[in-house]
Amino acid sequence: MAILGFLKRGDDKHEGQPGHSMGKRLHAWWEGYDLPPAEPAAEAEGSRATTPPPDGGVIAATAPDPWSKSRIKVAEMIWGDGFNFPGSADHVVELVKPFGLTKEKSLLDLGCGLGGGTRAIAKEFGTWVEGMEQSPALARAGMEMSEKAGLGKKATVVAYDPAKVHFTPRRYEAAFARMVLWQLADKKRLLGEIDKGLKPQGQLTFIDYVIKPGAAGAAGLGAWLKAENCANMPCELADVSKMLETLKIDIRIAEDMTGEFRRLVTEGWAKAVEILGAGASGLAPEEAQALVREAEMWRMRINLLDGGTLQVARFFGIKR
C-alpha cells in the first residue's frame, strides 16, 4: 500500500472535532486522503555535543541534534523498541550473517541509532560490537539501553562525527554501516577510514541512499535534502563501487534493495496506524507533532523511492 498524503497536525482547525482523532488522521494519511500540509516543524529539543572524543579518535558531532525525546518515542513506536529507523533485530542479524561473527571477533557498527541492531548482533553471535551514532541524543539513549540490557561493554554506543572520525588501524574483523555515507561531502574519506580500521580480509557491509544515474536535478530531490538539513547530494551506485575499488575493497555485492527497504517502511507505519487506531499510544501534544513531522519526512523519502529518483543500495566487500 502506498504511503501518500499528509497527516494533519493536532493543532489545525479540525482539532477537537468528532472523527478527527490522531489515530483516524493517521489512518487517512495512510490510505492516501488528500490532506493539507502541516505547519513548519518546531525546533528540536536536542542539544549540541560538547564531550571530548573518547579513545580511538572518535569525534562527536557538533551540529544541532534533531533527535528530541519526543521524536525518539515516536520512532520506537513505529520501528520497535531500540530502533529509530526501519530494520528489525532479525533483519540486522540476517544482514551481518555473512561475516561469520564469533565471540572472539569485533564489529564496527556505524549509524547504529538507538543500538537495537548493535545489541541484537552482540546477543546473537557473542561478538564485541562498537556502535557509533552521529546524534548525541540517540547515542546517550542507546548506551543507557545497552547498560540496562547488561551489554554495557559488549554493545557500546557512542557519538561520533562521520566527517572527522579516525579509526584505529586493523581494529575490526568486520564493519557494518547504515545510511551514513550519503550525507557526507567527502564520502571517500569515511570509506578510507573504515578500510583502515579493518584487519586484512576484513569484511564490510553497508546500506545507503544513492540516486539513479543523471537524477541530481530531479524534482523533489532538493526539497528532500533541505528537509534533511543536508547540503550534500547522494552519489550513484556506480560511484560508490568505484570508491571501494580504489581502496582495494573486493566488491562481492552492489545491488539495489529499494523494494526490501520499502517493505520495512510499510510494515513499520502499518504498526503505527494500528497502535494509534486502537488509542494505545498515549501521545502528548509535542509527541503528536513529532509524529506528524516524521510522517512528512517519510512521505518525501517514499515519493522519491517510488519515483525511482532515490534508491537504497546494499554493498558487501572484503578488504584485500
C-alpha atoms as a PDB file:
ATOM      1  CA  MET A   1       0.000   0.000   0.000  1.00  0.00           C
ATOM      2  CA  ALA A   2       1.466   3.362  -0.977  1.00  0.00           C
ATOM      3  CA  ILE A   3       2.228   5.982   1.649  1.00  0.00           C
ATOM      4  CA  LEU A   4       0.584   9.129   0.301  1.00  0.00           C
ATOM      5  CA  GLY A   5      -0.763  12.457   1.513  1.00  0.00           C
ATOM      6  CA  PHE A   6      -0.043  14.400   4.661  1.00  0.00           C
ATOM      7  CA  LEU A   7      -1.025  13.774   8.264  1.00  0.00           C
ATOM      8  CA  LYS A   8      -2.603  16.924   9.705  1.00  0.00           C
ATOM      9  CA  ARG A   9      -1.146  18.457  12.832  1.00  0.00           C
ATOM     10  CA  GLY A  10      -3.029  18.210  16.088  1.00  0.00           C
ATOM     11  CA  ASP A  11      -3.410  21.995  16.294  1.00  0.00           C
ATOM     12  CA  ASP A  12      -5.088  22.553  12.914  1.00  0.00           C
ATOM     13  CA  LYS A  13      -8.607  23.888  12.505  1.00  0.00           C
ATOM     14  CA  HIS A  14     -10.205  20.435  12.738  1.00  0.00           C
ATOM     15  CA  GLU A  15      -8.630  19.503  16.067  1.00  0.00           C
ATOM     16  CA  GLY A  16     -11.205  18.657  18.686  1.00  0.00           C
ATOM     17  CA  GLN A  17     -13.981  17.925  16.214  1.00  0.00           C
ATOM     18  CA  PRO A  18     -15.579  14.447  16.281  1.00  0.00           C
ATOM     19  CA  GLY A  19     -13.926  11.925  13.999  1.00  0.00           C
ATOM     20  CA  HIS A  20     -10.552  13.681  13.814  1.00  0.00           C
ATOM     21  CA  SER A  21      -8.500  11.844  16.417  1.00  0.00           C
ATOM     22  CA  MET A  22      -4.786  11.336  15.818  1.00  0.00           C
ATOM     23  CA  GLY A  23      -5.437   7.695  15.029  1.00  0.00           C
ATOM     24  CA  LYS A  24      -8.086   8.479  12.417  1.00  0.00           C
ATOM     25  CA  ARG A  25      -5.980  11.239  10.856  1.00  0.00           C
ATOM     26  CA  LEU A  26      -3.001   8.877  10.570  1.00  0.00           C
ATOM     27  CA  HIS A  27      -5.293   6.263   9.022  1.00  0.00           C
ATOM     28  CA  ALA A  28      -6.500   8.825   6.465  1.00  0.00           C
ATOM     29  CA  TRP A  29      -2.887   9.718   5.672  1.00  0.00           C
ATOM     30  CA  TRP A  30      -2.014   6.050   5.278  1.00  0.00           C
ATOM     31  CA  GLU A  31      -4.972   5.440   2.966  1.00  0.00           C
ATOM     32  CA  GLY A  32      -3.959   8.328   0.702  1.00  0.00           C
ATOM     33  CA  TYR A  33      -6.514  11.016   1.569  1.00  0.00           C
ATOM     34  CA  ASP A  34      -5.611  14.445   0.168  1.00  0.00           C
ATOM     35  CA  LEU A  35      -4.917  16.345   3.392  1.00  0.00           C
ATOM     36  CA  PRO A  36      -3.319  19.803   3.710  1.00  0.00           C
ATOM     37  CA  PRO A  37       0.363  20.006   4.690  1.00  0.00           C
ATOM     38  CA  ALA A  38       1.437  20.547   8.265  1.00  0.00           C
ATOM     39  CA  GLU A  39       2.860  23.809   9.576  1.00  0.00           C
ATOM     40  CA  PRO A  40       6.643  24.204   9.788  1.00  0.00           C
ATOM     41  CA  ALA A  41       8.242  21.913  12.321  1.00  0.00           C
ATOM     42  CA  ALA A  42       9.016  23.196  15.799  1.00  0.00           C
ATOM     43  CA  GLU A  43      12.610  23.455  16.891  1.00  0.00           C
ATOM     44  CA  ALA A  44      14.014  20.146  18.078  1.00  0.00           C
ATOM     45  CA  GLU A  45      14.574  19.546  21.791  1.00  0.00           C
ATOM     46  CA  GLY A  46      18.051  18.097  21.226  1.00  0.00           C
ATOM     47  CA  SER A  47      21.362  19.542  22.305  1.00  0.00           C
ATOM     48  CA  ARG A  48      24.868  20.003  20.966  1.00  0.00           C
ATOM     49  CA  ALA A  49      27.596  17.540  21.784  1.00  0.00           C
ATOM     50  CA  THR A  50      30.267  19.058  23.998  1.00  0.00           C
ATOM     51  CA  THR A  51      32.054  15.986  25.358  1.00  0.00           C
ATOM     52  CA  PRO A  52      35.675  15.324  24.373  1.00  0.00           C
ATOM     53  CA  PRO A  53      36.320  12.471  21.932  1.00  0.00           C
ATOM     54  CA  PRO A  54      36.787   9.015  23.512  1.00  0.00           C
ATOM     55  CA  ASP A  55      39.754   6.777  22.789  1.00  0.00           C
ATOM     56  CA  GLY A  56      40.278   5.794  19.168  1.00  0.00           C
ATOM     57  CA  GLY A  57      39.928   9.273  17.700  1.00  0.00           C
ATOM     58  CA  VAL A  58      36.106   9.357  17.690  1.00  0.00           C
ATOM     59  CA  ILE A  59      34.909  12.933  17.412  1.00  0.00           C
ATOM     60  CA  ALA A  60      31.339  13.773  18.433  1.00  0.00           C
ATOM     61  CA  ALA A  61      29.225  15.784  16.004  1.00  0.00           C
ATOM     62  CA  THR A  62      28.717  19.469  16.832  1.00  0.00           C
ATOM     63  CA  ALA A  63      25.686  20.249  14.644  1.00  0.00           C
ATOM     64  CA  PRO A  64      22.286  20.786  16.317  1.00  0.00           C
ATOM     65  CA  ASP A  65      20.820  17.421  17.259  1.00  0.00           C
ATOM     66  CA  PRO A  66      17.478  16.769  15.500  1.00  0.00           C
ATOM     67  CA  TRP A  67      16.545  13.912  17.850  1.00  0.00           C
ATOM     68  CA  SER A  68      14.336  15.099  20.704  1.00  0.00           C
ATOM     69  CA  LYS A  69      12.876  12.809  23.367  1.00  0.00           C
ATOM     70  CA  SER A  70       9.512  13.147  21.639  1.00  0.00           C
ATOM     71  CA  ARG A  71      10.927  12.076  18.300  1.00  0.00           C
ATOM     72  CA  ILE A  72      12.728   9.115  19.875  1.00  0.00           C
ATOM     73  CA  LYS A  73       9.487   7.907  21.467  1.00  0.00           C
ATOM     74  CA  VAL A  74       7.620   8.201  18.167  1.00  0.00           C
ATOM     75  CA  ALA A  75      10.412   6.416  16.273  1.00  0.00           C
ATOM     76  CA  GLU A  76      10.316   3.458  18.655  1.00  0.00           C
ATOM     77  CA  MET A  77       6.535   3.280  18.273  1.00  0.00           C
ATOM     78  CA  ILE A  78       6.990   2.959  14.502  1.00  0.00           C
ATOM     79  CA  TRP A  79      10.126   0.814  14.239  1.00  0.00           C
ATOM     80  CA  GLY A  80      10.234  -1.067  17.547  1.00  0.00           C
ATOM     81  CA  ASP A  81      11.998  -0.784  20.897  1.00  0.00           C
ATOM     82  CA  GLY A  82      15.616   0.284  20.471  1.00  0.00           C
ATOM     83  CA  PHE A  83      15.154   1.227  16.803  1.00  0.00           C
ATOM     84  CA  ASN A  84      14.769   4.680  15.225  1.00  0.00           C
ATOM     85  CA  PHE A  85      14.897   3.504  11.603  1.00  0.00           C
ATOM     86  CA  PRO A  86      13.480   0.635   9.507  1.00  0.00           C
ATOM     87  CA  GLY A  87      15.021  -2.769  10.142  1.00  0.00           C
ATOM     88  CA  SER A  88      14.197  -5.144  12.998  1.00  0.00           C
ATOM     89  CA  ALA A  89      16.663  -7.151  15.089  1.00  0.00           C
ATOM     90  CA  ASP A  90      16.092 -10.176  12.837  1.00  0.00           C
ATOM     91  CA  HIS A  91      16.740  -8.089   9.726  1.00  0.00           C
ATOM     92  CA  VAL A  92      20.027  -6.729  11.097  1.00  0.00           C
ATOM     93  CA  VAL A  93      21.213 -10.187  12.170  1.00  0.00           C
ATOM     94  CA  GLU A  94      20.453 -11.514   8.680  1.00  0.00           C
ATOM     95  CA  LEU A  95      22.477  -8.718   7.069  1.00  0.00           C
ATOM     96  CA  VAL A  96      25.618  -9.491   9.085  1.00  0.00           C
ATOM     97  CA  LYS A  97      25.434 -13.301   8.920  1.00  0.00           C
ATOM     98  CA  PRO A  98      27.931 -13.470   6.015  1.00  0.00           C
ATOM     99  CA  PHE A  99      30.603 -12.052   8.351  1.00  0.00           C
ATOM    100  CA  GLY A 100      30.798 -15.338  10.274  1.00  0.00           C
ATOM    101  CA  LEU A 101      30.909 -13.469  13.575  1.00  0.00           C
ATOM    102  CA  THR A 102      32.003 -15.177  16.809  1.00  0.00           C
ATOM    103  CA  LYS A 103      32.674 -14.133  20.395  1.00  0.00           C
ATOM    104  CA  GLU A 104      36.354 -13.671  19.504  1.00  0.00           C
ATOM    105  CA  LYS A 105      35.620 -11.105  16.783  1.00  0.00           C
ATOM    106  CA  SER A 106      34.829  -7.400  16.876  1.00  0.00           C
ATOM    107  CA  LEU A 107      32.433  -5.397  14.698  1.00  0.00           C
ATOM    108  CA  LEU A 108      32.205  -1.680  13.955  1.00  0.00           C
ATOM    109  CA  ASP A 109      28.547  -0.589  13.690  1.00  0.00           C
ATOM    110  CA  LEU A 110      28.219   2.884  12.134  1.00  0.00           C
ATOM    111  CA  GLY A 111      24.912   4.743  12.141  1.00  0.00           C
ATOM    112  CA  CYS A 112      23.630   2.441  14.884  1.00  0.00           C
ATOM    113  CA  GLY A 113      20.975   4.859  16.169  1.00  0.00           C
ATOM    114  CA  LEU A 114      19.500   3.616  19.453  1.00  0.00           C
ATOM    115  CA  GLY A 115      21.616   0.481  19.187  1.00  0.00           C
ATOM    116  CA  GLY A 116      18.824  -2.049  18.748  1.00  0.00           C
ATOM    117  CA  GLY A 117      20.772  -3.752  15.981  1.00  0.00           C
ATOM    118  CA  THR A 118      24.048  -3.389  17.884  1.00  0.00           C
ATOM    119  CA  ARG A 119      22.622  -5.307  20.831  1.00  0.00           C
ATOM    120  CA  ALA A 120      20.944  -7.889  18.581  1.00  0.00           C
ATOM    121  CA  ILE A 121      24.308  -8.714  16.959  1.00  0.00           C
ATOM    122  CA  ALA A 122      26.071  -8.985  20.322  1.00  0.00           C
ATOM    123  CA  LYS A 123      23.357 -11.294  21.672  1.00  0.00           C
ATOM    124  CA  GLU A 124      23.175 -13.492  18.570  1.00  0.00           C
ATOM    125  CA  PHE A 125      26.893 -14.012  17.963  1.00  0.00           C
ATOM    126  CA  GLY A 126      28.573 -13.005  21.232  1.00  0.00           C
ATOM    127  CA  THR A 127      30.597 -10.508  19.193  1.00  0.00           C
ATOM    128  CA  TRP A 128      32.122  -7.344  20.647  1.00  0.00           C
ATOM    129  CA  VAL A 129      30.220  -4.571  18.851  1.00  0.00           C
ATOM    130  CA  GLU A 130      31.244  -0.913  18.882  1.00  0.00           C
ATOM    131  CA  GLY A 131      28.210   1.150  17.871  1.00  0.00           C
ATOM    132  CA  MET A 132      28.682   4.735  16.712  1.00  0.00           C
ATOM    133  CA  GLU A 133      25.920   7.261  16.109  1.00  0.00           C
ATOM    134  CA  GLN A 134      26.041  10.848  14.850  1.00  0.00           C
ATOM    135  CA  SER A 135      23.230  12.063  17.132  1.00  0.00           C
ATOM    136  CA  PRO A 136      24.424  12.549  20.735  1.00  0.00           C
ATOM    137  CA  ALA A 137      20.832  12.163  21.971  1.00  0.00           C
ATOM    138  CA  LEU A 138      20.436   8.798  20.247  1.00  0.00           C
ATOM    139  CA  ALA A 139      23.882   7.680  21.410  1.00  0.00           C
ATOM    140  CA  ARG A 140      23.127   8.549  25.053  1.00  0.00           C
ATOM    141  CA  ALA A 141      19.776   6.774  24.950  1.00  0.00           C
ATOM    142  CA  GLY A 142      21.294   3.801  23.144  1.00  0.00           C
ATOM    143  CA  MET A 143      24.100   3.400  25.668  1.00  0.00           C
ATOM    144  CA  GLU A 144      21.585   3.511  28.519  1.00  0.00           C
ATOM    145  CA  MET A 145      19.634   0.736  26.815  1.00  0.00           C
ATOM    146  CA  SER A 146      22.797  -1.351  26.417  1.00  0.00           C
ATOM    147  CA  GLU A 147      23.635  -0.932  30.090  1.00  0.00           C
ATOM    148  CA  LYS A 148      20.114  -1.886  31.142  1.00  0.00           C
ATOM    149  CA  ALA A 149      20.372  -4.985  28.956  1.00  0.00           C
ATOM    150  CA  GLY A 150      23.650  -5.976  30.612  1.00  0.00           C
ATOM    151  CA  LEU A 151      25.573  -5.206  27.413  1.00  0.00           C
ATOM    152  CA  GLY A 152      27.347  -2.048  28.506  1.00  0.00           C
ATOM    153  CA  LYS A 153      30.720  -3.484  27.459  1.00  0.00           C
ATOM    154  CA  LYS A 154      29.678  -5.888  24.716  1.00  0.00           C
ATOM    155  CA  ALA A 155      27.467  -3.461  22.735  1.00  0.00           C
ATOM    156  CA  THR A 156      28.665   0.094  23.320  1.00  0.00           C
ATOM    157  CA  VAL A 157      27.076   3.141  21.682  1.00  0.00           C
ATOM    158  CA  VAL A 158      28.998   6.422  21.406  1.00  0.00           C
ATOM    159  CA  ALA A 159      28.516   9.676  19.497  1.00  0.00           C
ATOM    160  CA  TYR A 160      30.853  10.453  16.614  1.00  0.00           C
ATOM    161  CA  ASP A 161      31.278  12.764  13.622  1.00  0.00           C
ATOM    162  CA  PRO A 162      31.401  10.732  10.376  1.00  0.00           C
ATOM    163  CA  ALA A 163      33.134  13.613   8.592  1.00  0.00           C
ATOM    164  CA  LYS A 164      36.044  13.710  11.067  1.00  0.00           C
ATOM    165  CA  VAL A 165      36.304  10.293  12.696  1.00  0.00           C
ATOM    166  CA  HIS A 166      39.607   8.377  12.753  1.00  0.00           C
ATOM    167  CA  PHE A 167      39.693   4.637  13.406  1.00  0.00           C
ATOM    168  CA  THR A 168      42.478   2.631  14.987  1.00  0.00           C
ATOM    169  CA  PRO A 169      44.239   0.649  12.239  1.00  0.00           C
ATOM    170  CA  ARG A 170      43.378  -3.050  11.957  1.00  0.00           C
ATOM    171  CA  ARG A 171      40.972  -2.999  14.889  1.00  0.00           C
ATOM    172  CA  TYR A 172      37.892  -4.769  13.476  1.00  0.00           C
ATOM    173  CA  GLU A 173      37.158  -8.044  11.703  1.00  0.00           C
ATOM    174  CA  ALA A 174      34.064  -6.501  10.137  1.00  0.00           C
ATOM    175  CA  ALA A 175      32.228  -3.207   9.685  1.00  0.00           C
ATOM    176  CA  PHE A 176      28.522  -2.526   9.218  1.00  0.00           C
ATOM    177  CA  ALA A 177      27.161   0.906   8.275  1.00  0.00           C
ATOM    178  CA  ARG A 178      23.615   2.166   7.736  1.00  0.00           C
ATOM    179  CA  MET A 179      22.641   5.414   5.992  1.00  0.00           C
ATOM    180  CA  VAL A 180      25.870   7.235   6.829  1.00  0.00           C
ATOM    181  CA  LEU A 181      27.689   7.833   3.558  1.00  0.00           C
ATOM    182  CA  TRP A 182      25.003   9.638   1.523  1.00  0.00           C
ATOM    183  CA  GLN A 183      25.035  12.833   3.589  1.00  0.00           C
ATOM    184  CA  LEU A 184      28.807  13.400   3.537  1.00  0.00           C
ATOM    185  CA  ALA A 185      30.642  15.820   1.254  1.00  0.00           C
ATOM    186  CA  ASP A 186      33.779  13.642   1.253  1.00  0.00           C
ATOM    187  CA  LYS A 187      32.356  10.142   1.055  1.00  0.00           C
ATOM    188  CA  LYS A 188      35.634   8.524   0.084  1.00  0.00           C
ATOM    189  CA  ARG A 189      37.305   9.761   3.266  1.00  0.00           C
ATOM    190  CA  LEU A 190      34.950   7.790   5.524  1.00  0.00           C
ATOM    191  CA  LEU A 191      35.287   4.699   3.361  1.00  0.00           C
ATOM    192  CA  GLY A 192      39.064   5.079   3.655  1.00  0.00           C
ATOM    193  CA  GLU A 193      38.826   5.271   7.443  1.00  0.00           C
ATOM    194  CA  ILE A 194      36.661   2.149   7.556  1.00  0.00           C
ATOM    195  CA  ASP A 195      39.174   0.380   5.328  1.00  0.00           C
ATOM    196  CA  LYS A 196      41.969   1.466   7.653  1.00  0.00           C
ATOM    197  CA  GLY A 197      40.099   0.125  10.673  1.00  0.00           C
ATOM    198  CA  LEU A 198      39.562  -3.304   9.121  1.00  0.00           C
ATOM    199  CA  LYS A 199      42.005  -6.161   9.602  1.00  0.00           C
ATOM    200  CA  PRO A 200      43.353  -7.950   6.498  1.00  0.00           C
ATOM    201  CA  GLN A 201      40.489  -9.862   4.863  1.00  0.00           C
ATOM    202  CA  GLY A 202      38.099  -7.784   6.965  1.00  0.00           C
ATOM    203  CA  GLN A 203      34.536  -7.594   5.672  1.00  0.00           C
ATOM    204  CA  LEU A 204      32.312  -4.584   5.045  1.00  0.00           C
ATOM    205  CA  THR A 205      28.548  -4.321   4.573  1.00  0.00           C
ATOM    206  CA  PHE A 206      26.681  -1.069   4.308  1.00  0.00           C
ATOM    207  CA  ILE A 207      23.277   0.195   3.281  1.00  0.00           C
ATOM    208  CA  ASP A 208      22.886   3.693   1.911  1.00  0.00           C
ATOM    209  CA  TYR A 209      20.843   6.059  -0.202  1.00  0.00           C
ATOM    210  CA  VAL A 210      22.030   6.527  -3.786  1.00  0.00           C
ATOM    211  CA  ILE A 211      20.459   8.352  -6.723  1.00  0.00           C
ATOM    212  CA  LYS A 212      19.772   6.902 -10.124  1.00  0.00           C
ATOM    213  CA  PRO A 213      22.126   7.996 -12.933  1.00  0.00           C
ATOM    214  CA  GLY A 214      21.502  11.587 -14.019  1.00  0.00           C
ATOM    215  CA  ALA A 215      18.970  12.290 -11.259  1.00  0.00           C
ATOM    216  CA  ALA A 216      20.881  15.056  -9.478  1.00  0.00           C
ATOM    217  CA  GLY A 217      18.428  17.699 -10.711  1.00  0.00           C
ATOM    218  CA  ALA A 218      15.260  15.614 -10.310  1.00  0.00           C
ATOM    219  CA  ALA A 219      12.111  17.240  -8.945  1.00  0.00           C
ATOM    220  CA  GLY A 220      11.711  16.876  -5.208  1.00  0.00           C
ATOM    221  CA  LEU A 221      15.326  15.959  -4.516  1.00  0.00           C
ATOM    222  CA  GLY A 222      16.375  19.439  -3.430  1.00  0.00           C
ATOM    223  CA  ALA A 223      13.335  19.835  -1.153  1.00  0.00           C
ATOM    224  CA  TRP A 224      14.097  16.495   0.469  1.00  0.00           C
ATOM    225  CA  LEU A 225      17.736  17.406   1.125  1.00  0.00           C
ATOM    226  CA  LYS A 226      16.623  20.704   2.650  1.00  0.00           C
ATOM    227  CA  ALA A 227      14.184  18.875   4.912  1.00  0.00           C
ATOM    228  CA  GLU A 228      17.001  16.524   5.935  1.00  0.00           C
ATOM    229  CA  ASN A 229      19.174  19.587   6.662  1.00  0.00           C
ATOM    230  CA  CYS A 230      21.769  18.180   4.279  1.00  0.00           C
ATOM    231  CA  ALA A 231      23.798  20.220   1.789  1.00  0.00           C
ATOM    232  CA  ASN A 232      25.363  17.207   0.079  1.00  0.00           C
ATOM    233  CA  MET A 233      23.964  15.074  -2.726  1.00  0.00           C
ATOM    234  CA  PRO A 234      23.921  11.258  -2.569  1.00  0.00           C
ATOM    235  CA  CYS A 235      26.046   9.734  -5.319  1.00  0.00           C
ATOM    236  CA  GLU A 236      25.197   6.996  -7.787  1.00  0.00           C
ATOM    237  CA  LEU A 237      25.616   3.305  -7.022  1.00  0.00           C
ATOM    238  CA  ALA A 238      28.391   3.006  -9.611  1.00  0.00           C
ATOM    239  CA  ASP A 239      30.291   5.887  -7.975  1.00  0.00           C
ATOM    240  CA  VAL A 240      30.313   4.100  -4.614  1.00  0.00           C
ATOM    241  CA  SER A 241      31.584   0.942  -6.315  1.00  0.00           C
ATOM    242  CA  LYS A 242      34.435   2.924  -7.870  1.00  0.00           C
ATOM    243  CA  MET A 243      35.426   4.361  -4.490  1.00  0.00           C
ATOM    244  CA  LEU A 244      35.559   0.867  -2.995  1.00  0.00           C
ATOM    245  CA  GLU A 245      37.618  -0.434  -5.902  1.00  0.00           C
ATOM    246  CA  THR A 246      40.103   2.424  -5.469  1.00  0.00           C
ATOM    247  CA  LEU A 247      40.505   1.403  -1.828  1.00  0.00           C
ATOM    248  CA  LYS A 248      41.157  -2.173  -2.951  1.00  0.00           C
ATOM    249  CA  ILE A 249      37.926  -3.489  -1.469  1.00  0.00           C
ATOM    250  CA  ASP A 250      36.895  -6.627  -3.327  1.00  0.00           C
ATOM    251  CA  ILE A 251      33.211  -5.933  -4.050  1.00  0.00           C
ATOM    252  CA  ARG A 252      31.045  -9.042  -3.864  1.00  0.00           C
ATOM    253  CA  ILE A 253      27.625  -7.351  -3.802  1.00  0.00           C
ATOM    254  CA  ALA A 254      26.482  -3.941  -5.073  1.00  0.00           C
ATOM    255  CA  GLU A 255      22.725  -4.109  -5.502  1.00  0.00           C
ATOM    256  CA  ASP A 256      19.504  -2.116  -5.358  1.00  0.00           C
ATOM    257  CA  MET A 257      17.486  -3.201  -2.309  1.00  0.00           C
ATOM    258  CA  THR A 258      14.833  -0.476  -2.536  1.00  0.00           C
ATOM    259  CA  GLY A 259      11.987  -2.988  -2.639  1.00  0.00           C
ATOM    260  CA  GLU A 260      13.070  -4.694   0.575  1.00  0.00           C
ATOM    261  CA  PHE A 261      13.636  -1.356   2.291  1.00  0.00           C
ATOM    262  CA  ARG A 262      10.233  -0.100   1.242  1.00  0.00           C
ATOM    263  CA  ARG A 263       8.644  -3.235   2.698  1.00  0.00           C
ATOM    264  CA  LEU A 264      10.278  -2.489   6.049  1.00  0.00           C
ATOM    265  CA  VAL A 265       8.953   1.074   5.928  1.00  0.00           C
ATOM    266  CA  THR A 266       5.435  -0.131   5.114  1.00  0.00           C
ATOM    267  CA  GLU A 267       5.462  -2.644   7.966  1.00  0.00           C
ATOM    268  CA  GLY A 268       6.580  -0.003  10.455  1.00  0.00           C
ATOM    269  CA  TRP A 269       3.933   2.530   9.514  1.00  0.00           C
ATOM    270  CA  ALA A 270       1.232  -0.141   9.397  1.00  0.00           C
ATOM    271  CA  LYS A 271       2.078  -0.936  13.017  1.00  0.00           C
ATOM    272  CA  ALA A 272       1.888   2.751  13.943  1.00  0.00           C
ATOM    273  CA  VAL A 273      -1.522   3.061  12.294  1.00  0.00           C
ATOM    274  CA  GLU A 274      -2.724   0.035  14.266  1.00  0.00           C
ATOM    275  CA  ILE A 275      -1.406   1.389  17.584  1.00  0.00           C
ATOM    276  CA  LEU A 276      -2.928   4.830  17.077  1.00  0.00           C
ATOM    277  CA  GLY A 277      -6.169   3.406  15.752  1.00  0.00           C
ATOM    278  CA  ALA A 278      -6.535   1.439  18.976  1.00  0.00           C
ATOM    279  CA  GLY A 279      -5.864   4.592  21.009  1.00  0.00           C
ATOM    280  CA  ALA A 280      -2.996   2.876  22.825  1.00  0.00           C
ATOM    281  CA  SER A 281      -0.166   5.305  22.078  1.00  0.00           C
ATOM    282  CA  GLY A 282      -0.817   7.923  24.773  1.00  0.00           C
ATOM    283  CA  LEU A 283       0.998  10.624  22.805  1.00  0.00           C
ATOM    284  CA  ALA A 284       1.473  14.022  24.401  1.00  0.00           C
ATOM    285  CA  PRO A 285       0.913  17.078  22.144  1.00  0.00           C
ATOM    286  CA  GLU A 286       4.633  17.507  21.404  1.00  0.00           C
ATOM    287  CA  GLU A 287       4.882  13.797  20.605  1.00  0.00           C
ATOM    288  CA  ALA A 288       1.917  14.047  18.239  1.00  0.00           C
ATOM    289  CA  GLN A 289       3.676  16.907  16.466  1.00  0.00           C
ATOM    290  CA  ALA A 290       6.848  14.797  16.256  1.00  0.00           C
ATOM    291  CA  LEU A 291       4.767  12.038  14.659  1.00  0.00           C
ATOM    292  CA  VAL A 292       3.454  14.489  12.070  1.00  0.00           C
ATOM    293  CA  ARG A 293       6.968  15.639  11.194  1.00  0.00           C
ATOM    294  CA  GLU A 294       8.168  12.040  10.957  1.00  0.00           C
ATOM    295  CA  ALA A 295       5.272  11.167   8.640  1.00  0.00           C
ATOM    296  CA  GLU A 296       6.038  14.131   6.392  1.00  0.00           C
ATOM    297  CA  MET A 297       9.719  13.190   6.178  1.00  0.00           C
ATOM    298  CA  TRP A 298       8.921   9.603   5.277  1.00  0.00           C
ATOM    299  CA  ARG A 299       6.392  10.742   2.697  1.00  0.00           C
ATOM    300  CA  MET A 300       9.157  12.674   0.928  1.00  0.00           C
ATOM    301  CA  ARG A 301      11.529   9.719   1.053  1.00  0.00           C
ATOM    302  CA  ILE A 302       8.916   7.257  -0.201  1.00  0.00           C
ATOM    303  CA  ASN A 303       7.851   9.537  -3.050  1.00  0.00           C
ATOM    304  CA  LEU A 304      11.476   9.731  -4.244  1.00  0.00           C
ATOM    305  CA  LEU A 305      11.933   5.974  -3.880  1.00  0.00           C
ATOM    306  CA  ASP A 306       8.692   5.215  -5.710  1.00  0.00           C
ATOM    307  CA  GLY A 307       9.621   7.650  -8.474  1.00  0.00           C
ATOM    308  CA  GLY A 308      12.985   5.964  -8.941  1.00  0.00           C
ATOM    309  CA  THR A 309      14.998   9.110  -8.208  1.00  0.00           C
ATOM    310  CA  LEU A 310      16.246   7.736  -4.899  1.00  0.00           C
ATOM    311  CA  GLN A 311      17.360   4.163  -4.287  1.00  0.00           C
ATOM    312  CA  VAL A 312      18.582   2.138  -1.336  1.00  0.00           C
ATOM    313  CA  ALA A 313      21.723   0.175  -2.160  1.00  0.00           C
ATOM    314  CA  ARG A 314      23.498  -2.641  -0.332  1.00  0.00           C
ATOM    315  CA  PHE A 315      27.215  -3.254  -0.645  1.00  0.00           C
ATOM    316  CA  PHE A 316      29.321  -6.141   0.597  1.00  0.00           C
ATOM    317  CA  GLY A 317      33.059  -6.345   0.187  1.00  0.00           C
ATOM    318  CA  ILE A 318      36.273  -7.843   1.552  1.00  0.00           C
ATOM    319  CA  LYS A 319      39.497  -5.966   2.215  1.00  0.00           C
ATOM    320  CA  ARG A 320      42.309  -7.267   0.017  1.00  0.00           C
END
